[in-house]
Amino acid sequence: MPVLVRASLIFGIILLAGCPGGGGSVNLPPTAIKYGEPITIEYELSVWGAGSGRVSKRYTAIRCHYKAEKATAFTTLDGTIDRETADRIFVSFKLPKFAASDGAYVEYYLDEMFDGHYNRRPVERVPLR
């Protein structure tokens, strides 16, 4: 095998083996939450590139922290894994019913550990109606 071909092959193997991986997340907040009705928040987590193992083993401690406008502190819910594929998991959180006395909106944020690293999404504010 010519030296240039061998060097190109070795370089390609090193490049592919050393390719970093990562993950991503998608959350589409509801446009509003109706008074007196529970709501489900859906969260999609994905992986790409390097890394191994089930997605549900790479993403851990998947949580939703929420509070109504008049609440003084966030309440934490653990996520329920609804479905898993080779590169994604779909997680849901069931928020309780809210009353008009709770205020005009609900704030929530989602966080998780990915391969041992903490990740947090921005706070979302959803109106109560």
Protein backbone atom coordinates (compact mmCIF):
# COMPACT_ATOMS: atom_id res chain seq x y z
CA MET A 1 0.00 0.00 0.00
CA PRO A 2 1.49 3.36 -0.99
CA VAL A 3 2.56 5.63 1.89
CA LEU A 4 0.15 8.44 0.93
CA VAL A 5 -2.85 6.07 0.87
CA ARG A 6 -1.81 4.52 4.20
CA ALA A 7 -1.33 7.97 5.79
CA SER A 8 -4.73 9.14 4.49
CA LEU A 9 -6.40 6.01 5.86
CA ILE A 10 -4.78 6.40 9.29
CA PHE A 11 -5.66 10.11 9.39
CA GLY A 12 -9.28 9.32 8.49
CA ILE A 13 -9.56 6.70 11.24
CA ILE A 14 -8.09 9.08 13.82
CA LEU A 15 -10.40 11.86 12.69
CA LEU A 16 -13.51 9.67 12.94
CA ALA A 17 -12.50 8.09 16.24
CA GLY A 18 -11.80 11.47 17.78
CA CYS A 19 -14.99 13.10 16.51
CA PRO A 20 -16.70 14.79 19.43
CA GLY A 21 -20.34 14.17 20.18
CA GLY A 22 -23.01 16.03 21.98
CA GLY A 23 -26.65 16.36 22.68
CA GLY A 24 -29.54 18.69 22.17
CA SER A 25 -33.00 19.40 23.47
CA VAL A 26 -36.31 20.72 22.19
CA ASN A 27 -39.18 22.10 24.25
CA LEU A 28 -42.11 23.93 22.72
CA PRO A 29 -43.99 25.69 25.51
CA PRO A 30 -47.78 25.69 25.35
CA THR A 31 -49.31 28.99 24.22
CA ALA A 32 -51.48 29.05 27.36
CA ILE A 33 -52.59 26.91 30.28
CA LYS A 34 -56.33 26.73 30.99
CA TYR A 35 -57.49 27.31 34.56
CA GLY A 36 -58.68 24.08 36.16
CA GLU A 37 -56.99 21.73 33.65
CA PRO A 38 -53.71 19.85 34.13
CA ILE A 39 -51.11 20.28 31.38
CA THR A 40 -48.35 18.07 30.02
CA ILE A 41 -44.99 19.62 29.16
CA GLU A 42 -43.10 17.61 26.52
CA TYR A 43 -39.31 17.54 26.21
CA GLU A 44 -37.23 15.87 23.48
CA LEU A 45 -33.56 15.07 24.15
CA SER A 46 -31.16 13.83 21.48
CA VAL A 47 -27.55 12.70 21.07
CA TRP A 48 -25.13 12.73 18.14
CA GLY A 49 -21.52 11.85 17.42
CA ALA A 50 -19.24 10.13 19.90
CA GLY A 51 -20.54 8.50 23.05
CA SER A 52 -22.12 5.18 23.75
CA GLY A 53 -24.94 3.60 25.65
CA ARG A 54 -28.67 4.07 25.78
CA VAL A 55 -29.83 7.67 25.55
CA SER A 56 -31.75 7.23 28.82
CA LYS A 57 -28.47 6.30 30.55
CA ARG A 58 -26.66 9.36 29.17
CA TYR A 59 -29.43 11.79 30.17
CA THR A 60 -30.25 11.53 33.86
CA ALA A 61 -32.02 13.60 36.51
CA ILE A 62 -34.40 15.06 33.92
CA ARG A 63 -36.60 17.51 35.80
CA CYS A 64 -39.14 20.30 35.41
CA HIS A 65 -39.23 23.12 37.96
CA TYR A 66 -42.43 25.18 37.90
CA LYS A 67 -44.29 27.82 39.88
CA ALA A 68 -47.40 29.88 39.44
CA GLU A 69 -47.11 33.67 39.61
CA LYS A 70 -48.16 33.89 43.27
CA ALA A 71 -46.07 30.95 44.48
CA THR A 72 -42.93 31.76 46.43
CA ALA A 73 -40.81 28.80 45.29
CA PHE A 74 -40.46 26.37 42.40
CA THR A 75 -41.85 22.83 42.68
CA THR A 76 -39.80 20.03 41.08
CA LEU A 77 -41.14 17.14 39.01
CA ASP A 78 -39.16 14.16 37.71
CA GLY A 79 -39.72 13.41 34.04
CA THR A 80 -41.42 10.32 32.67
CA ILE A 81 -39.74 8.74 29.65
CA ASP A 82 -42.52 8.12 27.15
CA ARG A 83 -40.43 6.76 24.29
CA GLU A 84 -36.80 6.10 23.38
CA THR A 85 -35.04 5.55 20.06
CA ALA A 86 -31.37 5.00 19.26
CA ASP A 87 -30.64 8.73 19.38
CA ARG A 88 -33.60 10.37 21.21
CA ILE A 89 -35.77 10.20 24.28
CA PHE A 90 -39.15 11.82 24.71
CA VAL A 91 -39.94 12.93 28.25
CA SER A 92 -43.12 14.40 29.72
CA PHE A 93 -44.04 16.26 32.89
CA LYS A 94 -47.60 16.47 34.23
CA LEU A 95 -48.26 19.86 35.82
CA PRO A 96 -51.27 20.09 38.14
CA LYS A 97 -54.42 22.17 37.74
CA PHE A 98 -54.06 25.90 38.41
CA ALA A 99 -56.78 28.25 39.66
CA ALA A 100 -57.33 31.95 38.98
CA SER A 101 -56.11 32.59 42.52
CA ASP A 102 -52.66 31.23 41.48
CA GLY A 103 -52.04 34.28 39.30
CA ALA A 104 -51.78 35.16 35.62
CA TYR A 105 -48.95 32.86 34.52
CA VAL A 106 -46.83 29.78 35.23
CA GLU A 107 -43.05 29.83 34.93
CA TYR A 108 -41.03 26.68 34.37
CA TYR A 109 -37.57 25.53 33.40
CA LEU A 110 -36.15 22.13 32.50
CA ASP A 111 -32.78 20.71 33.47
CA GLU A 112 -30.88 17.45 33.28
CA MET A 113 -27.48 15.82 33.51
CA PHE A 114 -25.91 14.77 30.18
CA ASP A 115 -22.88 12.48 30.45
CA GLY A 116 -22.39 13.88 33.96
CA HIS A 117 -22.66 17.55 32.97
CA TYR A 118 -25.47 19.83 34.19
CA ASN A 119 -27.64 21.53 31.53
CA ARG A 120 -30.48 23.97 32.08
CA ARG A 121 -32.94 25.52 29.63
CA PRO A 122 -34.14 29.11 30.07
CA VAL A 123 -37.23 29.90 32.12
CA GLU A 124 -40.45 29.87 30.09
CA ARG A 125 -43.48 31.96 31.10
CA VAL A 126 -46.88 30.64 30.01
CA PRO A 127 -50.10 32.62 30.58
CA LEU A 128 -52.96 31.16 32.58
CA ARG A 129 -56.41 31.67 31.05
